[in-house]
Amino acid sequence: MTKNTNPPIVVGLGELLWDVFPDGKRPGGAPANVAFQAQQLGCCGLVASRVGKDDLGDELVEFLQSKDLQTSLIQRDETAPTGRVTVSINTENQPEYIIHEDVAWNKLDFNADLEAVMQKAAAVCFGTLAQRCSTSRETIHKAVAATSKECLLVYDINIRQEYYDITCIEASLNLATILKLNDEEVDLLTAMLNLPTDHTQFTKALIEKYDLNLVCITRGANGCLVVSSEDSFDTPGEPIEVADTVGAGDAFTAGLIFSQLSGKNLEESGRFANKIGGIVASHHGAMPDLIVEFRKLEIG
């Protein structure tokens, strides 16, 4: 995989925060993770978020700058603190979260700088968590509406705890062209939206109901299912030694975006995204430095 001299802009729109583990803190936030991994894959990754005007916010901005990410879309809040998520790993090696409230990314503002970048974006990834407050929800909807017709609008549903409702989810599905979710979220949506429980039928029903181009279900060690209105491909998992799974799904999303922007078919996209997610799961934290390893990969 070679570095693109004119890389497409991939915007992670939503939360930027610190994942606080028992052994220390690491940068995170699902949309920010996607932008970070897209940058490592050779795109121009931009994080559109808001952090506090505090030491934790300074550290986040400095970290992203140290990884050559532009930080012009990271707003600074005078009063609300930088977001934090307390992360613990359970006995099944899965992350459990305490998501702290009343933080800066809840107050993400739609401004001229954000609108201008969205008009040039090749892909935008947004989720559900950052829409838990009306200010950030309205900003996300306005930002997505400002994109071009060619832009990939990726709704990585990323449901966390009680921070969602059916109105928000359906509004986001109507905005998106691509939906990515995991198998646990499938179970939740089948009940909420009265959809088939069979995964292939479930994806086809979503595509028809919400006019989606693509739906992808991730299944952890069991791979993924990628479905369009014309085709589907079930990708088996690859054995890896898991360090932790924090950010692995976001890395998968970045791999999916990269492969779709590269014009790859469902099988190639599924295999590549699965590989990227697995590599990140074999390292600690959501934003490990993998740019050299990624650039050794062949897409497809």
Protein backbone atom coordinates (compact mmCIF):
# COMPACT_ATOMS: atom_id res chain seq x y z
CA MET A 1 0.00 0.00 0.00
CA THR A 2 1.59 3.26 -1.12
CA LYS A 3 1.10 6.72 0.34
CA ASN A 4 -1.39 8.87 -1.58
CA THR A 5 0.11 12.19 -2.72
CA ASN A 6 -3.36 13.76 -2.82
CA PRO A 7 -5.15 11.94 0.00
CA PRO A 8 -8.94 11.99 0.38
CA ILE A 9 -10.28 13.79 3.45
CA VAL A 10 -11.86 11.50 6.04
CA VAL A 11 -13.60 13.32 8.90
CA GLY A 12 -14.29 11.72 12.26
CA LEU A 13 -17.24 13.77 13.54
CA GLY A 14 -18.09 13.53 17.24
CA GLU A 15 -16.31 12.66 20.45
CA LEU A 16 -12.61 13.11 21.19
CA LEU A 17 -11.61 12.09 24.70
CA TRP A 18 -9.26 10.24 27.00
CA ASP A 19 -9.81 6.53 27.60
CA VAL A 20 -8.68 6.13 31.20
CA PHE A 21 -7.40 2.60 31.86
CA PRO A 22 -6.18 1.17 35.18
CA ASP A 23 -2.58 1.67 33.95
CA GLY A 24 -3.03 5.16 32.53
CA LYS A 25 -4.87 7.25 29.94
CA ARG A 26 -4.85 6.94 26.14
CA PRO A 27 -6.47 9.09 23.42
CA GLY A 28 -9.83 7.83 22.15
CA GLY A 29 -13.37 8.51 21.01
CA ALA A 30 -14.85 6.43 18.18
CA PRO A 31 -14.95 9.05 15.38
CA ALA A 32 -11.51 10.32 16.40
CA ASN A 33 -10.19 6.74 16.29
CA VAL A 34 -11.56 6.35 12.75
CA ALA A 35 -9.89 9.58 11.57
CA PHE A 36 -6.63 8.56 13.24
CA GLN A 37 -6.56 5.14 11.58
CA ALA A 38 -7.62 6.61 8.22
CA GLN A 39 -4.63 8.95 8.48
CA GLN A 40 -2.35 5.98 9.16
CA LEU A 41 -3.80 4.24 6.10
CA GLY A 42 -2.83 7.17 3.88
CA CYS A 43 -5.91 9.40 3.94
CA CYS A 44 -6.09 12.92 5.35
CA GLY A 45 -7.75 12.21 8.70
CA LEU A 46 -9.47 15.12 10.42
CA VAL A 47 -11.07 15.03 13.87
CA ALA A 48 -14.06 17.38 14.23
CA SER A 49 -14.70 17.63 17.95
CA ARG A 50 -14.47 19.86 21.01
CA VAL A 51 -12.22 19.63 24.05
CA GLY A 52 -11.85 21.74 27.14
CA LYS A 53 -9.48 24.64 27.45
CA ASP A 54 -7.57 22.60 30.00
CA ASP A 55 -4.44 20.50 30.35
CA LEU A 56 -6.19 17.33 29.12
CA GLY A 57 -7.39 19.19 26.03
CA ASP A 58 -3.89 20.53 25.38
CA GLU A 59 -2.50 17.00 25.62
CA LEU A 60 -5.03 15.63 23.12
CA VAL A 61 -4.33 18.35 20.57
CA GLU A 62 -0.57 17.91 21.00
CA PHE A 63 -0.90 14.14 20.58
CA LEU A 64 -2.81 14.44 17.30
CA GLN A 65 -0.38 17.05 16.01
CA SER A 66 2.51 14.73 16.86
CA LYS A 67 0.88 12.15 14.56
CA ASP A 68 0.61 14.72 11.72
CA LEU A 69 -3.17 15.11 12.01
CA GLN A 70 -4.59 18.56 11.38
CA THR A 71 -6.37 19.95 14.44
CA SER A 72 -8.13 22.95 12.93
CA LEU A 73 -11.56 21.37 13.56
CA ILE A 74 -10.96 20.73 17.26
CA GLN A 75 -12.82 23.44 19.12
CA ARG A 76 -11.88 24.59 22.64
CA ASP A 77 -14.50 25.11 25.34
CA GLU A 78 -13.97 27.75 28.03
CA THR A 79 -16.01 26.00 30.74
CA ALA A 80 -16.74 22.35 29.94
CA PRO A 81 -13.87 19.92 30.59
CA THR A 82 -12.25 17.57 28.10
CA GLY A 83 -14.14 14.28 27.85
CA ARG A 84 -13.09 11.14 29.69
CA VAL A 85 -14.17 7.50 29.59
CA THR A 86 -13.11 5.17 32.37
CA VAL A 87 -12.32 1.79 30.81
CA SER A 88 -11.98 -1.58 32.49
CA ILE A 89 -11.42 -4.95 30.81
CA ASN A 90 -13.66 -7.79 31.97
CA THR A 91 -12.79 -11.47 32.34
CA GLU A 92 -13.72 -12.09 28.67
CA ASN A 93 -11.17 -9.45 27.58
CA GLN A 94 -13.94 -7.06 26.53
CA PRO A 95 -13.97 -3.36 27.48
CA GLU A 96 -16.53 -1.89 29.89
CA TYR A 97 -17.03 1.87 30.02
CA ILE A 98 -18.05 4.69 32.34
CA ILE A 99 -18.74 7.64 30.02
CA HIS A 100 -18.50 10.91 31.94
CA GLU A 101 -21.11 13.56 31.19
CA ASP A 102 -21.19 17.38 30.93
CA VAL A 103 -18.02 17.48 28.81
CA ALA A 104 -16.80 19.60 25.92
CA TRP A 105 -17.72 17.33 23.00
CA ASN A 106 -21.38 17.61 24.00
CA LYS A 107 -21.13 21.25 22.88
CA LEU A 108 -19.67 20.76 19.40
CA ASP A 109 -20.61 23.85 17.38
CA PHE A 110 -21.44 24.10 13.68
CA ASN A 111 -19.30 26.89 12.28
CA ALA A 112 -17.86 28.09 8.97
CA ASP A 113 -14.63 26.09 9.35
CA LEU A 114 -16.51 22.84 9.88
CA GLU A 115 -18.89 23.54 7.00
CA ALA A 116 -16.02 24.29 4.61
CA VAL A 117 -14.21 21.03 5.36
CA MET A 118 -17.40 18.97 5.15
CA GLN A 119 -17.97 20.28 1.63
CA LYS A 120 -14.58 18.82 0.62
CA ALA A 121 -14.76 15.55 2.56
CA ALA A 122 -14.56 12.22 0.74
CA ALA A 123 -15.94 10.38 3.78
CA VAL A 124 -17.46 11.31 7.13
CA CYS A 125 -17.88 8.94 10.05
CA PHE A 126 -20.38 9.77 12.81
CA GLY A 127 -22.02 7.77 15.58
CA THR A 128 -24.75 7.76 18.19
CA LEU A 129 -22.92 8.68 21.39
CA ALA A 130 -21.99 12.22 20.30
CA GLN A 131 -25.69 12.86 19.65
CA ARG A 132 -26.69 12.39 23.28
CA CYS A 133 -27.01 16.20 23.68
CA SER A 134 -29.07 18.45 21.43
CA THR A 135 -26.22 20.87 20.63
CA SER A 136 -23.83 18.25 19.27
CA ARG A 137 -26.69 16.32 17.63
CA GLU A 138 -27.82 19.37 15.65
CA THR A 139 -24.22 20.11 14.68
CA ILE A 140 -23.67 16.57 13.40
CA HIS A 141 -26.84 16.69 11.31
CA LYS A 142 -25.95 20.10 9.82
CA ALA A 143 -22.40 18.96 9.09
CA VAL A 144 -23.51 15.77 7.33
CA ALA A 145 -26.05 17.79 5.30
CA ALA A 146 -23.21 20.06 4.11
CA THR A 147 -21.32 17.24 2.34
CA SER A 148 -21.24 16.60 -1.39
CA LYS A 149 -23.35 13.93 -3.10
CA GLU A 150 -20.23 11.79 -3.61
CA CYS A 151 -19.23 11.76 0.07
CA LEU A 152 -19.40 8.44 1.94
CA LEU A 153 -21.61 9.05 4.99
CA VAL A 154 -20.69 6.31 7.43
CA TYR A 155 -22.92 5.79 10.46
CA ASP A 156 -20.89 3.67 12.87
CA ILE A 157 -23.81 3.19 15.23
CA ASN A 158 -21.61 2.51 18.28
CA ILE A 159 -24.39 2.23 20.87
CA ARG A 160 -23.20 2.82 24.42
CA GLN A 161 -25.27 2.20 27.55
CA GLU A 162 -28.39 4.37 27.69
CA TYR A 163 -27.09 7.07 25.32
CA TYR A 164 -29.44 6.41 22.42
CA ASP A 165 -33.09 6.40 21.37
CA ILE A 166 -34.98 5.22 18.32
CA THR A 167 -35.58 8.75 17.02
CA CYS A 168 -31.86 9.54 16.95
CA ILE A 169 -30.99 6.18 15.38
CA GLU A 170 -33.59 6.47 12.62
CA ALA A 171 -32.60 10.06 11.84
CA SER A 172 -28.97 8.94 11.53
CA LEU A 173 -29.91 5.99 9.30
CA ASN A 174 -31.74 8.39 7.02
CA LEU A 175 -28.61 10.55 6.78
CA ALA A 176 -26.17 7.70 6.09
CA THR A 177 -25.08 5.88 2.96
CA ILE A 178 -23.12 3.19 4.87
CA LEU A 179 -24.04 1.56 8.18
CA LYS A 180 -21.55 -0.33 10.34
CA LEU A 181 -22.60 -2.15 13.52
CA ASN A 182 -21.65 -5.19 15.57
CA ASP A 183 -23.63 -8.35 16.17
CA GLU A 184 -24.82 -7.21 19.62
CA GLU A 185 -26.20 -4.03 18.08
CA VAL A 186 -28.01 -6.14 15.48
CA ASP A 187 -29.93 -7.83 18.29
CA LEU A 188 -30.90 -4.43 19.68
CA LEU A 189 -32.03 -3.01 16.33
CA THR A 190 -34.08 -6.06 15.35
CA ALA A 191 -36.25 -5.44 18.39
CA MET A 192 -36.33 -1.64 18.09
CA LEU A 193 -37.12 -1.52 14.37
CA ASN A 194 -39.02 -4.81 14.02
CA LEU A 195 -36.53 -6.26 11.54
CA PRO A 196 -35.64 -9.90 10.67
CA THR A 197 -33.24 -11.66 13.01
CA ASP A 198 -31.35 -13.40 10.19
CA HIS A 199 -28.33 -11.20 9.53
CA THR A 200 -28.55 -11.18 5.74
CA GLN A 201 -32.28 -10.48 5.75
CA PHE A 202 -31.69 -7.85 8.44
CA THR A 203 -29.15 -6.00 6.30
CA LYS A 204 -31.33 -6.20 3.18
CA ALA A 205 -34.29 -4.78 5.11
CA LEU A 206 -32.16 -1.87 6.37
CA ILE A 207 -30.83 -1.14 2.89
CA GLU A 208 -34.34 -1.02 1.47
CA LYS A 209 -35.95 0.92 4.31
CA TYR A 210 -33.25 3.60 4.69
CA ASP A 211 -31.82 3.68 1.14
CA LEU A 212 -28.36 2.58 2.27
CA ASN A 213 -25.59 1.60 -0.14
CA LEU A 214 -23.86 -0.78 2.24
CA VAL A 215 -24.36 -2.44 5.63
CA CYS A 216 -21.55 -4.14 7.51
CA ILE A 217 -21.91 -6.32 10.61
CA THR A 218 -18.75 -7.03 12.59
CA ARG A 219 -18.53 -10.26 14.59
CA GLY A 220 -15.24 -9.99 16.44
CA ALA A 221 -13.20 -13.17 16.04
CA ASN A 222 -15.85 -14.50 13.64
CA GLY A 223 -15.17 -11.91 10.95
CA CYS A 224 -17.78 -9.73 9.30
CA LEU A 225 -20.72 -9.65 6.91
CA VAL A 226 -20.74 -6.96 4.21
CA VAL A 227 -23.95 -6.49 2.21
CA SER A 228 -25.12 -4.20 -0.58
CA SER A 229 -28.36 -4.27 -2.53
CA GLU A 230 -26.64 -6.36 -5.23
CA ASP A 231 -24.21 -8.58 -3.34
CA SER A 232 -23.02 -9.89 0.02
CA PHE A 233 -19.82 -11.36 1.37
CA ASP A 234 -19.17 -13.17 4.67
CA THR A 235 -15.55 -12.74 5.74
CA PRO A 236 -14.16 -15.30 8.21
CA GLY A 237 -12.12 -14.08 11.15
CA GLU A 238 -8.35 -14.39 11.35
CA PRO A 239 -6.68 -15.73 14.51
CA ILE A 240 -4.85 -13.02 16.46
CA GLU A 241 -3.45 -12.59 19.94
CA VAL A 242 -5.73 -9.93 21.45
CA ALA A 243 -4.14 -7.22 23.60
CA ASP A 244 -7.45 -5.36 24.02
CA THR A 245 -10.37 -4.67 21.70
CA VAL A 246 -10.70 -0.94 22.47
CA GLY A 247 -10.81 0.86 19.13
CA ALA A 248 -10.67 -2.31 17.02
CA GLY A 249 -14.15 -1.71 15.61
CA ASP A 250 -13.21 1.88 14.77
CA ALA A 251 -10.09 0.65 12.99
CA PHE A 252 -12.31 -1.75 11.04
CA THR A 253 -14.46 1.23 10.00
CA ALA A 254 -11.38 3.13 8.83
CA GLY A 255 -10.29 0.10 6.80
CA LEU A 256 -13.75 -0.17 5.27
CA ILE A 257 -13.75 3.53 4.35
CA PHE A 258 -10.26 3.31 2.86
CA SER A 259 -11.09 0.27 0.75
CA GLN A 260 -14.36 1.79 -0.48
CA LEU A 261 -12.61 5.03 -1.43
CA SER A 262 -10.06 2.86 -3.26
CA GLY A 263 -12.87 1.39 -5.38
CA LYS A 264 -12.67 -2.15 -3.96
CA ASN A 265 -15.52 -4.66 -4.05
CA LEU A 266 -17.34 -6.15 -1.05
CA GLU A 267 -15.00 -9.11 -0.62
CA GLU A 268 -11.86 -7.00 -0.81
CA SER A 269 -13.35 -4.36 1.51
CA GLY A 270 -14.45 -6.92 4.09
CA ARG A 271 -11.13 -8.74 4.13
CA PHE A 272 -9.08 -5.55 4.37
CA ALA A 273 -11.22 -3.95 7.09
CA ASN A 274 -11.16 -7.19 9.07
CA LYS A 275 -7.36 -7.26 8.84
CA ILE A 276 -7.03 -3.64 10.05
CA GLY A 277 -9.36 -4.24 12.99
CA GLY A 278 -7.39 -7.35 13.96
CA ILE A 279 -4.05 -5.56 13.86
CA VAL A 280 -5.32 -2.84 16.20
CA ALA A 281 -6.85 -5.43 18.56
CA SER A 282 -3.41 -7.02 18.86
CA HIS A 283 -2.06 -3.75 20.33
CA HIS A 284 -3.02 -1.82 23.44
CA GLY A 285 -5.26 1.26 23.19
CA ALA A 286 -7.38 2.72 20.41
CA MET A 287 -4.62 4.71 18.67
CA PRO A 288 -1.44 2.61 18.50
CA ASP A 289 1.27 3.79 16.12
CA LEU A 290 0.91 1.39 13.18
CA ILE A 291 1.63 3.54 10.15
CA VAL A 292 4.67 1.47 9.10
CA GLU A 293 2.81 -1.81 9.52
CA PHE A 294 -0.24 -0.57 7.61
CA ARG A 295 1.84 0.60 4.68
CA LYS A 296 3.22 -2.90 4.23
CA LEU A 297 -0.28 -4.23 3.57
CA GLU A 298 -1.75 -5.03 0.21
CA ILE A 299 -5.42 -4.07 -0.12
CA GLY A 300 -7.69 -6.78 -1.46
